[in-house]
Amino acid sequence: MYVSKWADGDPHDVTVIETPTFSLHSMVAGDSCNRIAEIGKYCRANNIHSIILCPGFTNSMVAQVTTEVGNEVAVAVSRTDGLGSVISARARNEAKKGLK
């Protein structure tokens, strides 16, 4: 499962891509307080084995997700290089301007 953190995301709105041997679940979790609990509930309900969190998750949040999903789910965090950080920050700022 890939989880992205975005202000207007809804953790109940998940896209699933299926192949005969693999399922990719994609969630855009909002900034609500219960976002991490919702990630855990979804993982338990859908037999998720591993999660990749977007770079927006802090180290503390990663630890909370790890605790929430338990020791049967691998938790990884995607990171980017310096240029990637600049590009993604610019894209987030542009999107935020559009929301105002």
N, C-alpha and C. Protein backbone atom coordinates (compact mmCIF):
# COMPACT_ATOMS: atom_id res chain seq x y z
N MET A 1 0.85 -1.17 0.00
CA MET A 1 0.00 0.00 0.00
C MET A 1 0.89 1.23 0.00
N TYR A 2 0.52 2.21 -0.81
CA TYR A 2 1.22 3.49 -0.81
C TYR A 2 0.30 4.51 -0.15
N VAL A 3 0.83 5.26 0.81
CA VAL A 3 0.04 6.26 1.52
C VAL A 3 0.67 7.62 1.35
N SER A 4 -0.10 8.54 0.81
CA SER A 4 0.33 9.92 0.65
C SER A 4 -0.44 10.78 1.62
N LYS A 5 0.20 11.80 2.17
CA LYS A 5 -0.44 12.70 3.13
C LYS A 5 -0.74 14.02 2.43
N TRP A 6 -2.03 14.38 2.37
CA TRP A 6 -2.43 15.62 1.72
C TRP A 6 -3.63 16.19 2.46
N ALA A 7 -3.70 17.51 2.54
CA ALA A 7 -4.70 18.18 3.38
C ALA A 7 -6.14 17.76 3.10
N ASP A 8 -6.51 17.62 1.84
CA ASP A 8 -7.91 17.30 1.54
C ASP A 8 -8.13 15.83 1.22
N GLY A 9 -7.18 14.99 1.59
CA GLY A 9 -7.30 13.56 1.35
C GLY A 9 -8.33 12.91 2.26
N ASP A 10 -8.90 11.82 1.81
CA ASP A 10 -9.86 11.05 2.60
C ASP A 10 -9.36 9.62 2.67
N PRO A 11 -8.96 9.15 3.87
CA PRO A 11 -8.40 7.80 3.97
C PRO A 11 -9.40 6.69 3.61
N HIS A 12 -10.67 7.03 3.46
CA HIS A 12 -11.65 6.01 3.06
C HIS A 12 -11.73 5.86 1.55
N ASP A 13 -11.10 6.75 0.81
CA ASP A 13 -11.11 6.72 -0.65
C ASP A 13 -9.80 6.10 -1.12
N VAL A 14 -9.82 4.81 -1.38
CA VAL A 14 -8.62 4.06 -1.74
C VAL A 14 -8.78 3.51 -3.15
N THR A 15 -7.71 3.62 -3.94
CA THR A 15 -7.68 3.03 -5.27
C THR A 15 -6.88 1.74 -5.21
N VAL A 16 -7.38 0.70 -5.86
CA VAL A 16 -6.69 -0.59 -5.86
C VAL A 16 -6.44 -1.01 -7.30
N ILE A 17 -5.18 -1.32 -7.58
CA ILE A 17 -4.79 -1.85 -8.88
C ILE A 17 -4.46 -3.32 -8.67
N GLU A 18 -5.12 -4.20 -9.43
CA GLU A 18 -4.97 -5.65 -9.26
C GLU A 18 -4.25 -6.29 -10.44
N THR A 19 -3.37 -7.21 -10.14
CA THR A 19 -2.84 -8.14 -11.13
C THR A 19 -3.17 -9.53 -10.61
N PRO A 20 -2.89 -10.57 -11.35
CA PRO A 20 -3.18 -11.90 -10.83
C PRO A 20 -2.41 -12.25 -9.55
N THR A 21 -1.27 -11.60 -9.32
CA THR A 21 -0.45 -11.97 -8.16
C THR A 21 -0.17 -10.82 -7.20
N PHE A 22 -0.70 -9.62 -7.48
CA PHE A 22 -0.32 -8.45 -6.70
C PHE A 22 -1.47 -7.45 -6.66
N SER A 23 -1.63 -6.80 -5.51
CA SER A 23 -2.60 -5.71 -5.37
C SER A 23 -1.88 -4.49 -4.83
N LEU A 24 -2.04 -3.35 -5.49
CA LEU A 24 -1.47 -2.10 -5.01
C LEU A 24 -2.61 -1.22 -4.54
N HIS A 25 -2.62 -0.92 -3.27
CA HIS A 25 -3.63 -0.05 -2.67
C HIS A 25 -3.00 1.32 -2.52
N SER A 26 -3.72 2.36 -2.94
CA SER A 26 -3.21 3.72 -2.87
C SER A 26 -4.19 4.57 -2.08
N MET A 27 -3.69 5.18 -1.00
CA MET A 27 -4.52 6.00 -0.12
C MET A 27 -3.93 7.39 -0.01
N VAL A 28 -4.79 8.40 -0.10
CA VAL A 28 -4.37 9.77 0.18
C VAL A 28 -5.01 10.13 1.52
N ALA A 29 -4.20 10.03 2.57
CA ALA A 29 -4.70 10.28 3.91
C ALA A 29 -4.73 11.78 4.17
N GLY A 30 -5.78 12.27 4.73
CA GLY A 30 -5.89 13.69 5.05
C GLY A 30 -5.09 14.06 6.27
N ASP A 31 -5.22 15.31 6.68
CA ASP A 31 -4.50 15.81 7.84
C ASP A 31 -5.29 15.67 9.14
N SER A 32 -6.34 14.86 9.12
CA SER A 32 -7.15 14.71 10.32
C SER A 32 -6.39 13.92 11.39
N CYS A 33 -6.81 14.09 12.61
CA CYS A 33 -6.13 13.44 13.75
C CYS A 33 -6.21 11.93 13.68
N ASN A 34 -7.25 11.40 13.05
CA ASN A 34 -7.43 9.94 13.04
C ASN A 34 -6.81 9.27 11.83
N ARG A 35 -6.03 9.99 11.06
CA ARG A 35 -5.45 9.44 9.83
C ARG A 35 -4.65 8.17 10.08
N ILE A 36 -3.82 8.16 11.11
CA ILE A 36 -2.97 7.00 11.37
C ILE A 36 -3.81 5.81 11.83
N ALA A 37 -4.83 6.05 12.62
CA ALA A 37 -5.73 4.97 13.03
C ALA A 37 -6.44 4.39 11.81
N GLU A 38 -6.83 5.23 10.86
CA GLU A 38 -7.51 4.76 9.65
C GLU A 38 -6.58 3.89 8.80
N ILE A 39 -5.30 4.25 8.75
CA ILE A 39 -4.32 3.43 8.02
C ILE A 39 -4.27 2.04 8.64
N GLY A 40 -4.20 1.98 9.96
CA GLY A 40 -4.18 0.69 10.65
C GLY A 40 -5.43 -0.13 10.41
N LYS A 41 -6.59 0.50 10.48
CA LYS A 41 -7.85 -0.21 10.24
C LYS A 41 -7.89 -0.78 8.83
N TYR A 42 -7.45 0.03 7.86
CA TYR A 42 -7.48 -0.43 6.48
C TYR A 42 -6.55 -1.62 6.28
N CYS A 43 -5.36 -1.55 6.87
CA CYS A 43 -4.40 -2.65 6.74
C CYS A 43 -4.95 -3.94 7.31
N ARG A 44 -5.56 -3.87 8.49
CA ARG A 44 -6.12 -5.07 9.12
C ARG A 44 -7.28 -5.63 8.30
N ALA A 45 -8.13 -4.76 7.77
CA ALA A 45 -9.31 -5.20 7.02
C ALA A 45 -8.96 -5.78 5.65
N ASN A 46 -7.79 -5.40 5.11
CA ASN A 46 -7.45 -5.80 3.74
C ASN A 46 -6.19 -6.63 3.63
N ASN A 47 -5.71 -7.16 4.74
CA ASN A 47 -4.55 -8.05 4.75
C ASN A 47 -3.34 -7.44 4.05
N ILE A 48 -3.04 -6.19 4.39
CA ILE A 48 -1.90 -5.48 3.80
C ILE A 48 -0.61 -5.98 4.45
N HIS A 49 0.40 -6.24 3.63
CA HIS A 49 1.68 -6.76 4.12
C HIS A 49 2.77 -5.71 4.23
N SER A 50 2.67 -4.65 3.42
CA SER A 50 3.70 -3.62 3.48
C SER A 50 3.11 -2.27 3.06
N ILE A 51 3.70 -1.21 3.62
CA ILE A 51 3.27 0.15 3.37
C ILE A 51 4.48 0.98 2.97
N ILE A 52 4.28 1.85 1.99
CA ILE A 52 5.28 2.88 1.67
C ILE A 52 4.61 4.22 1.96
N LEU A 53 5.22 4.99 2.84
CA LEU A 53 4.70 6.30 3.20
C LEU A 53 5.40 7.37 2.37
N CYS A 54 4.67 8.40 1.99
CA CYS A 54 5.26 9.48 1.20
C CYS A 54 6.21 10.30 2.08
N PRO A 55 7.06 11.14 1.48
CA PRO A 55 8.02 11.92 2.25
C PRO A 55 7.39 12.89 3.25
N GLY A 56 6.09 13.18 3.16
CA GLY A 56 5.44 14.10 4.08
C GLY A 56 5.29 13.58 5.50
N PHE A 57 5.50 12.29 5.71
CA PHE A 57 5.38 11.71 7.05
C PHE A 57 6.67 11.96 7.83
N THR A 58 6.53 12.53 9.02
CA THR A 58 7.69 12.78 9.87
C THR A 58 8.15 11.47 10.50
N ASN A 59 9.34 11.47 11.08
CA ASN A 59 9.83 10.27 11.77
C ASN A 59 8.88 9.84 12.87
N SER A 60 8.31 10.79 13.59
CA SER A 60 7.36 10.48 14.65
C SER A 60 6.11 9.80 14.09
N MET A 61 5.62 10.31 12.96
CA MET A 61 4.44 9.70 12.33
C MET A 61 4.74 8.29 11.84
N VAL A 62 5.94 8.09 11.30
CA VAL A 62 6.33 6.75 10.85
C VAL A 62 6.29 5.79 12.02
N ALA A 63 6.81 6.22 13.16
CA ALA A 63 6.79 5.38 14.36
C ALA A 63 5.35 5.08 14.79
N GLN A 64 4.47 6.07 14.70
CA GLN A 64 3.06 5.86 15.06
C GLN A 64 2.39 4.87 14.11
N VAL A 65 2.67 4.99 12.82
CA VAL A 65 2.11 4.05 11.85
C VAL A 65 2.61 2.65 12.15
N THR A 66 3.90 2.51 12.41
CA THR A 66 4.48 1.21 12.72
C THR A 66 3.80 0.58 13.92
N THR A 67 3.57 1.37 14.95
CA THR A 67 2.88 0.88 16.15
C THR A 67 1.44 0.49 15.81
N GLU A 68 0.78 1.32 15.02
CA GLU A 68 -0.63 1.08 14.68
C GLU A 68 -0.83 -0.19 13.87
N VAL A 69 0.05 -0.46 12.90
CA VAL A 69 -0.16 -1.62 12.02
C VAL A 69 0.41 -2.91 12.60
N GLY A 70 1.29 -2.81 13.59
CA GLY A 70 1.83 -4.01 14.22
C GLY A 70 3.04 -4.56 13.50
N ASN A 71 3.58 -5.62 14.06
CA ASN A 71 4.84 -6.15 13.55
C ASN A 71 4.69 -7.13 12.38
N GLU A 72 3.49 -7.26 11.85
CA GLU A 72 3.29 -8.12 10.68
C GLU A 72 3.25 -7.33 9.37
N VAL A 73 3.39 -6.00 9.46
CA VAL A 73 3.33 -5.13 8.28
C VAL A 73 4.64 -4.35 8.19
N ALA A 74 5.31 -4.46 7.05
CA ALA A 74 6.54 -3.71 6.82
C ALA A 74 6.19 -2.25 6.52
N VAL A 75 6.90 -1.32 7.14
CA VAL A 75 6.65 0.10 6.92
C VAL A 75 7.93 0.73 6.37
N ALA A 76 7.82 1.35 5.20
CA ALA A 76 8.96 2.03 4.57
C ALA A 76 8.55 3.46 4.27
N VAL A 77 9.54 4.33 4.08
CA VAL A 77 9.28 5.73 3.78
C VAL A 77 10.03 6.09 2.50
N SER A 78 9.33 6.71 1.56
CA SER A 78 10.02 7.15 0.35
C SER A 78 10.67 8.50 0.62
N ARG A 79 11.82 8.70 0.03
CA ARG A 79 12.55 9.96 0.16
C ARG A 79 12.97 10.39 -1.24
N THR A 80 13.42 11.62 -1.35
CA THR A 80 13.83 12.14 -2.64
C THR A 80 15.18 12.85 -2.50
N ASP A 81 15.78 13.14 -3.63
CA ASP A 81 17.04 13.89 -3.61
C ASP A 81 16.73 15.38 -3.47
N GLY A 82 17.75 16.20 -3.44
CA GLY A 82 17.57 17.64 -3.26
C GLY A 82 16.70 18.28 -4.31
N LEU A 83 16.94 17.96 -5.58
CA LEU A 83 16.14 18.52 -6.67
C LEU A 83 14.69 18.05 -6.56
N GLY A 84 14.51 16.80 -6.21
CA GLY A 84 13.14 16.28 -6.04
C GLY A 84 12.39 17.01 -4.95
N SER A 85 13.08 17.38 -3.87
CA SER A 85 12.45 18.14 -2.79
C SER A 85 11.99 19.50 -3.28
N VAL A 86 12.82 20.16 -4.08
CA VAL A 86 12.47 21.48 -4.63
C VAL A 86 11.26 21.36 -5.54
N ILE A 87 11.27 20.38 -6.42
CA ILE A 87 10.17 20.19 -7.37
C ILE A 87 8.88 19.86 -6.64
N SER A 88 8.92 18.95 -5.68
CA SER A 88 7.69 18.58 -4.97
C SER A 88 7.18 19.72 -4.10
N ALA A 89 8.08 20.50 -3.49
CA ALA A 89 7.64 21.66 -2.70
C ALA A 89 6.94 22.67 -3.59
N ARG A 90 7.48 22.89 -4.78
CA ARG A 90 6.86 23.83 -5.72
C ARG A 90 5.46 23.33 -6.11
N ALA A 91 5.33 22.04 -6.37
CA ALA A 91 4.03 21.48 -6.75
C ALA A 91 3.02 21.60 -5.61
N ARG A 92 3.46 21.34 -4.37
CA ARG A 92 2.56 21.47 -3.21
C ARG A 92 2.12 22.92 -3.04
N ASN A 93 3.05 23.86 -3.19
CA ASN A 93 2.71 25.28 -3.05
C ASN A 93 1.71 25.71 -4.12
N GLU A 94 1.90 25.25 -5.34
CA GLU A 94 0.98 25.59 -6.42
C GLU A 94 -0.41 25.03 -6.12
N ALA A 95 -0.46 23.81 -5.64
CA ALA A 95 -1.75 23.18 -5.31
C ALA A 95 -2.43 23.93 -4.17
N LYS A 96 -1.67 24.33 -3.17
CA LYS A 96 -2.25 25.06 -2.05
C LYS A 96 -2.82 26.41 -2.49
N LYS A 97 -2.13 27.07 -3.41
CA LYS A 97 -2.64 28.34 -3.94
C LYS A 97 -3.99 28.13 -4.63
N GLY A 98 -4.10 27.01 -5.34
CA GLY A 98 -5.35 26.69 -6.03
C GLY A 98 -6.50 26.37 -5.10
N LEU A 99 -6.19 25.94 -3.87
CA LEU A 99 -7.23 25.61 -2.90
C LEU A 99 -7.80 26.83 -2.21
N LYS A 100 -7.08 27.95 -2.28
CA LYS A 100 -7.53 29.16 -1.58
C LYS A 100 -8.59 29.91 -2.34
